[in-house]
Protein backbone atom coordinates (compact mmCIF):
# COMPACT_ATOMS: atom_id res chain seq x y z
CA ARG A 1 10.15 -7.28 -20.40
CA LEU A 2 13.66 -8.38 -19.67
CA PRO A 3 16.51 -7.47 -22.01
CA PRO A 4 18.60 -10.08 -23.84
CA HIS A 5 20.44 -12.56 -21.62
CA GLY A 6 23.68 -10.55 -21.66
CA ARG A 7 22.02 -7.80 -19.63
CA VAL A 8 20.08 -9.94 -17.16
CA ARG A 9 22.42 -9.19 -14.27
CA SER A 10 21.94 -5.47 -14.79
CA SER A 11 18.21 -6.08 -14.79
CA VAL A 12 18.47 -7.96 -11.50
CA SER A 13 20.22 -4.95 -9.95
CA ILE A 14 17.62 -2.53 -11.26
CA PHE A 15 14.65 -4.65 -10.17
CA ALA A 16 16.26 -5.24 -6.76
CA LEU A 17 16.56 -1.47 -6.30
CA GLN A 18 12.97 -1.02 -7.44
CA ALA A 19 11.79 -3.61 -4.89
CA LYS A 20 13.83 -1.93 -2.17
CA LEU A 21 12.42 1.51 -2.97
CA HIS A 22 8.88 0.18 -3.36
CA ALA A 23 8.75 -2.55 -0.72
CA ASP A 24 4.96 -2.52 -0.79
CA SER A 25 4.75 -3.17 -4.55
CA TRP A 26 3.81 -6.72 -5.45
CA ASN A 27 4.66 -5.92 -9.07
CA ALA A 28 8.22 -4.90 -8.17
CA PHE A 29 8.79 -8.27 -6.50
CA ASP A 30 7.12 -10.11 -9.38
CA SER A 31 9.53 -8.44 -11.82
CA LEU A 32 12.46 -9.17 -9.51
CA GLY A 33 11.43 -12.83 -9.42
CA GLU A 34 11.37 -12.91 -13.21
CA ALA A 35 14.86 -11.41 -13.38
CA TYR A 36 16.27 -13.85 -10.82
CA ALA A 37 14.67 -16.78 -12.65
CA LYS A 38 16.11 -15.59 -15.96
CA ASP A 39 19.52 -15.36 -14.25
CA GLY A 40 19.18 -18.94 -12.99
CA ASN A 41 18.87 -18.04 -9.30
CA ARG A 42 15.94 -20.25 -8.28
CA ALA A 43 16.22 -19.55 -4.55
CA LEU A 44 16.02 -15.78 -4.90
CA ALA A 45 13.35 -16.06 -7.61
CA THR A 46 11.26 -18.16 -5.23
CA GLU A 47 11.74 -15.63 -2.43
CA ALA A 48 10.75 -12.70 -4.66
CA TYR A 49 7.68 -14.45 -6.05
CA ARG A 50 6.56 -15.45 -2.56
CA LYS A 51 6.93 -11.84 -1.39
CA SER A 52 4.91 -10.69 -4.40
CA LEU A 53 2.22 -13.22 -3.58
CA ALA A 54 2.16 -12.14 0.08
CA LEU A 55 1.55 -8.56 -1.07
CA ASN A 56 -1.06 -9.61 -3.63
CA PRO A 57 -2.64 -13.03 -3.01
CA SER A 58 -4.45 -12.70 -6.37
CA ASN A 59 -1.18 -12.62 -8.33
CA GLY A 60 -1.69 -15.62 -10.58
CA ASN A 61 1.62 -15.04 -12.32
CA ALA A 62 3.53 -15.61 -9.08
CA VAL A 63 1.62 -18.84 -8.49
CA ASP A 64 2.37 -19.99 -12.05
CA GLN A 65 6.05 -19.06 -11.85
CA LEU A 66 6.50 -20.76 -8.48
CA SER A 67 4.94 -23.87 -9.99
CA LYS A 68 7.39 -23.69 -12.90
CA LEU A 69 10.21 -23.44 -10.37
CA GLY A 70 8.89 -26.62 -8.76
CA VAL A 71 7.97 -25.05 -5.41
CA LYS A 72 4.74 -24.41 -3.58
CA PRO A 73 3.49 -20.84 -3.17
């Protein structure tokens, strides 16, 4: 879970590091997408969710979140 809004930017940094260190982890990119979306960065959220989906085509959360962002998977 993400912390309160005041700490979202810190969460983005942490999840970005996690995704960098674990570039083969679909879950790391899914969490990064959530943090970017919470921060209001739709473009980077979309990119992270698409990477998560590429690593795990069964990731229904990424499909749902991309839909909420108004983009196709």
